[in-house]
Amino acid sequence: MKKALFAATIFLAACQTPKTAAPVKELTPLEKVQVVYPGTTAEELGVGKALYAKQCITCHGFEEPARYSMQKWDHILPEMVEKANKYKEANITDQEFILLRKYVISELK
């Protein structure tokens, strides 16, 4: 009897469908930024993208922001903004710096 009960338990366990984790929802570019900067708008990302095109691409060519990690960008952006303001007289404001950072975050993988 014990063997039959054990066999039935094994059989029923084998018939169960495996539990799989629910698929992880991939965040949209705007949602990625809103994790760090709640309240960010799509318009702000557009302005940040335009600043990236105007201030960064003109010297460096187009580089995918996803090429670097956010930790790397947190080193690159302040340094490049300082250089652009000093040598190109770009006059990138603190607010524009934040818009650039938001755009970069939105493009990270």
C-alpha atoms as a PDB file:
ATOM      1  CA  MET A   1       0.000   0.000   0.000  1.00  0.00           C
ATOM      2  CA  LYS A   2       2.800   2.406   0.869  1.00  0.00           C
ATOM      3  CA  LYS A   3       4.476   1.703  -2.474  1.00  0.00           C
ATOM      4  CA  ALA A   4       1.235   2.399  -4.358  1.00  0.00           C
ATOM      5  CA  LEU A   5       0.697   5.663  -2.463  1.00  0.00           C
ATOM      6  CA  PHE A   6       4.300   6.697  -3.101  1.00  0.00           C
ATOM      7  CA  ALA A   7       3.988   5.850  -6.819  1.00  0.00           C
ATOM      8  CA  ALA A   8       0.727   7.827  -7.066  1.00  0.00           C
ATOM      9  CA  THR A   9       2.361  10.837  -5.396  1.00  0.00           C
ATOM     10  CA  ILE A  10       5.319  10.714  -7.791  1.00  0.00           C
ATOM     11  CA  PHE A  11       2.959  10.357 -10.757  1.00  0.00           C
ATOM     12  CA  LEU A  12       0.865  13.360  -9.701  1.00  0.00           C
ATOM     13  CA  ALA A  13       3.965  15.463  -9.049  1.00  0.00           C
ATOM     14  CA  ALA A  14       5.285  14.612 -12.502  1.00  0.00           C
ATOM     15  CA  CYS A  15       1.994  15.704 -14.085  1.00  0.00           C
ATOM     16  CA  GLN A  16       2.197  19.214 -12.671  1.00  0.00           C
ATOM     17  CA  THR A  17       3.038  21.970 -15.078  1.00  0.00           C
ATOM     18  CA  PRO A  18       6.264  23.703 -14.120  1.00  0.00           C
ATOM     19  CA  LYS A  19       5.877  27.114 -12.569  1.00  0.00           C
ATOM     20  CA  THR A  20       7.614  29.803 -14.548  1.00  0.00           C
ATOM     21  CA  ALA A  21       8.324  33.302 -13.432  1.00  0.00           C
ATOM     22  CA  ALA A  22       6.141  35.989 -14.893  1.00  0.00           C
ATOM     23  CA  PRO A  23       7.895  37.789 -17.732  1.00  0.00           C
ATOM     24  CA  VAL A  24       9.662  40.948 -16.642  1.00  0.00           C
ATOM     25  CA  LYS A  25       8.186  44.036 -18.251  1.00  0.00           C
ATOM     26  CA  GLU A  26      10.815  46.039 -20.080  1.00  0.00           C
ATOM     27  CA  LEU A  27      10.660  49.716 -19.189  1.00  0.00           C
ATOM     28  CA  THR A  28      10.075  52.311 -21.871  1.00  0.00           C
ATOM     29  CA  PRO A  29      12.746  55.008 -22.251  1.00  0.00           C
ATOM     30  CA  LEU A  30      10.532  57.477 -20.369  1.00  0.00           C
ATOM     31  CA  GLU A  31       9.861  54.981 -17.562  1.00  0.00           C
ATOM     32  CA  LYS A  32      13.620  54.377 -17.154  1.00  0.00           C
ATOM     33  CA  VAL A  33      14.162  58.082 -16.555  1.00  0.00           C
ATOM     34  CA  GLN A  34      11.162  58.395 -14.253  1.00  0.00           C
ATOM     35  CA  VAL A  35      12.751  55.851 -11.908  1.00  0.00           C
ATOM     36  CA  VAL A  36      15.541  58.375 -11.287  1.00  0.00           C
ATOM     37  CA  TYR A  37      13.681  61.617 -12.066  1.00  0.00           C
ATOM     38  CA  PRO A  38       9.959  61.189 -11.277  1.00  0.00           C
ATOM     39  CA  GLY A  39       7.767  63.540 -13.275  1.00  0.00           C
ATOM     40  CA  THR A  40      10.052  63.658 -16.315  1.00  0.00           C
ATOM     41  CA  THR A  41       8.142  64.297 -19.541  1.00  0.00           C
ATOM     42  CA  ALA A  42       8.646  63.066 -23.088  1.00  0.00           C
ATOM     43  CA  GLU A  43       9.179  66.706 -24.063  1.00  0.00           C
ATOM     44  CA  GLU A  44      12.170  66.930 -21.718  1.00  0.00           C
ATOM     45  CA  LEU A  45      13.679  63.834 -23.328  1.00  0.00           C
ATOM     46  CA  GLY A  46      13.237  65.482 -26.722  1.00  0.00           C
ATOM     47  CA  VAL A  47      15.057  68.587 -25.526  1.00  0.00           C
ATOM     48  CA  GLY A  48      17.817  66.416 -24.044  1.00  0.00           C
ATOM     49  CA  LYS A  49      18.162  64.549 -27.334  1.00  0.00           C
ATOM     50  CA  ALA A  50      18.428  67.839 -29.233  1.00  0.00           C
ATOM     51  CA  LEU A  51      21.116  69.047 -26.803  1.00  0.00           C
ATOM     52  CA  TYR A  52      22.984  65.765 -27.246  1.00  0.00           C
ATOM     53  CA  ALA A  53      22.862  66.223 -31.011  1.00  0.00           C
ATOM     54  CA  LYS A  54      23.965  69.852 -30.822  1.00  0.00           C
ATOM     55  CA  GLN A  55      26.577  69.693 -28.076  1.00  0.00           C
ATOM     56  CA  CYS A  56      27.956  66.143 -28.194  1.00  0.00           C
ATOM     57  CA  ILE A  57      27.608  64.792 -31.712  1.00  0.00           C
ATOM     58  CA  THR A  58      29.229  67.852 -33.272  1.00  0.00           C
ATOM     59  CA  CYS A  59      32.600  66.850 -31.783  1.00  0.00           C
ATOM     60  CA  HIS A  60      32.299  63.134 -31.111  1.00  0.00           C
ATOM     61  CA  GLY A  61      30.030  61.936 -33.888  1.00  0.00           C
ATOM     62  CA  PHE A  62      27.024  59.876 -32.934  1.00  0.00           C
ATOM     63  CA  GLU A  63      27.787  57.397 -30.198  1.00  0.00           C
ATOM     64  CA  GLU A  64      25.014  55.265 -28.810  1.00  0.00           C
ATOM     65  CA  PRO A  65      24.494  56.357 -25.205  1.00  0.00           C
ATOM     66  CA  ALA A  66      23.994  52.655 -24.386  1.00  0.00           C
ATOM     67  CA  ARG A  67      27.644  52.084 -25.253  1.00  0.00           C
ATOM     68  CA  TYR A  68      28.539  53.094 -21.698  1.00  0.00           C
ATOM     69  CA  SER A  69      27.049  52.350 -18.286  1.00  0.00           C
ATOM     70  CA  MET A  70      25.369  55.050 -16.213  1.00  0.00           C
ATOM     71  CA  GLN A  71      28.357  54.969 -13.866  1.00  0.00           C
ATOM     72  CA  LYS A  72      30.614  55.782 -16.807  1.00  0.00           C
ATOM     73  CA  TRP A  73      28.246  58.525 -18.019  1.00  0.00           C
ATOM     74  CA  ASP A  74      28.250  60.057 -14.534  1.00  0.00           C
ATOM     75  CA  HIS A  75      31.978  60.538 -15.060  1.00  0.00           C
ATOM     76  CA  ILE A  76      31.820  61.543 -18.753  1.00  0.00           C
ATOM     77  CA  LEU A  77      28.986  64.094 -18.701  1.00  0.00           C
ATOM     78  CA  PRO A  78      30.300  66.538 -16.085  1.00  0.00           C
ATOM     79  CA  GLU A  79      33.761  66.438 -17.628  1.00  0.00           C
ATOM     80  CA  MET A  80      32.506  66.999 -21.175  1.00  0.00           C
ATOM     81  CA  VAL A  81      30.092  69.759 -20.162  1.00  0.00           C
ATOM     82  CA  GLU A  82      32.926  71.551 -18.381  1.00  0.00           C
ATOM     83  CA  LYS A  83      35.163  71.230 -21.456  1.00  0.00           C
ATOM     84  CA  ALA A  84      32.397  72.318 -23.838  1.00  0.00           C
ATOM     85  CA  ASN A  85      31.658  75.367 -21.703  1.00  0.00           C
ATOM     86  CA  LYS A  86      35.340  76.255 -21.463  1.00  0.00           C
ATOM     87  CA  TYR A  87      36.596  75.595 -24.989  1.00  0.00           C
ATOM     88  CA  LYS A  88      33.493  75.769 -27.158  1.00  0.00           C
ATOM     89  CA  GLU A  89      31.781  78.448 -25.094  1.00  0.00           C
ATOM     90  CA  ALA A  90      28.716  76.190 -25.130  1.00  0.00           C
ATOM     91  CA  ASN A  91      27.234  77.714 -21.968  1.00  0.00           C
ATOM     92  CA  ILE A  92      25.441  74.501 -20.986  1.00  0.00           C
ATOM     93  CA  THR A  93      23.385  75.336 -17.905  1.00  0.00           C
ATOM     94  CA  ASP A  94      22.768  73.079 -14.911  1.00  0.00           C
ATOM     95  CA  GLN A  95      19.215  72.522 -16.180  1.00  0.00           C
ATOM     96  CA  GLU A  96      20.516  71.539 -19.620  1.00  0.00           C
ATOM     97  CA  PHE A  97      22.990  69.176 -17.959  1.00  0.00           C
ATOM     98  CA  ILE A  98      20.058  67.428 -16.249  1.00  0.00           C
ATOM     99  CA  LEU A  99      18.205  67.215 -19.588  1.00  0.00           C
ATOM    100  CA  LEU A 100      21.291  65.653 -21.199  1.00  0.00           C
ATOM    101  CA  ARG A 101      21.538  63.172 -18.327  1.00  0.00           C
ATOM    102  CA  LYS A 102      17.847  62.297 -18.642  1.00  0.00           C
ATOM    103  CA  TYR A 103      18.257  61.630 -22.361  1.00  0.00           C
ATOM    104  CA  VAL A 104      21.287  59.408 -21.740  1.00  0.00           C
ATOM    105  CA  ILE A 105      19.391  57.422 -19.087  1.00  0.00           C
ATOM    106  CA  SER A 106      16.488  56.945 -21.492  1.00  0.00           C
ATOM    107  CA  GLU A 107      18.807  55.337 -24.047  1.00  0.00           C
ATOM    108  CA  LEU A 108      20.540  52.884 -21.709  1.00  0.00           C
ATOM    109  CA  LYS A 109      19.825  49.184 -22.126  1.00  0.00           C
END
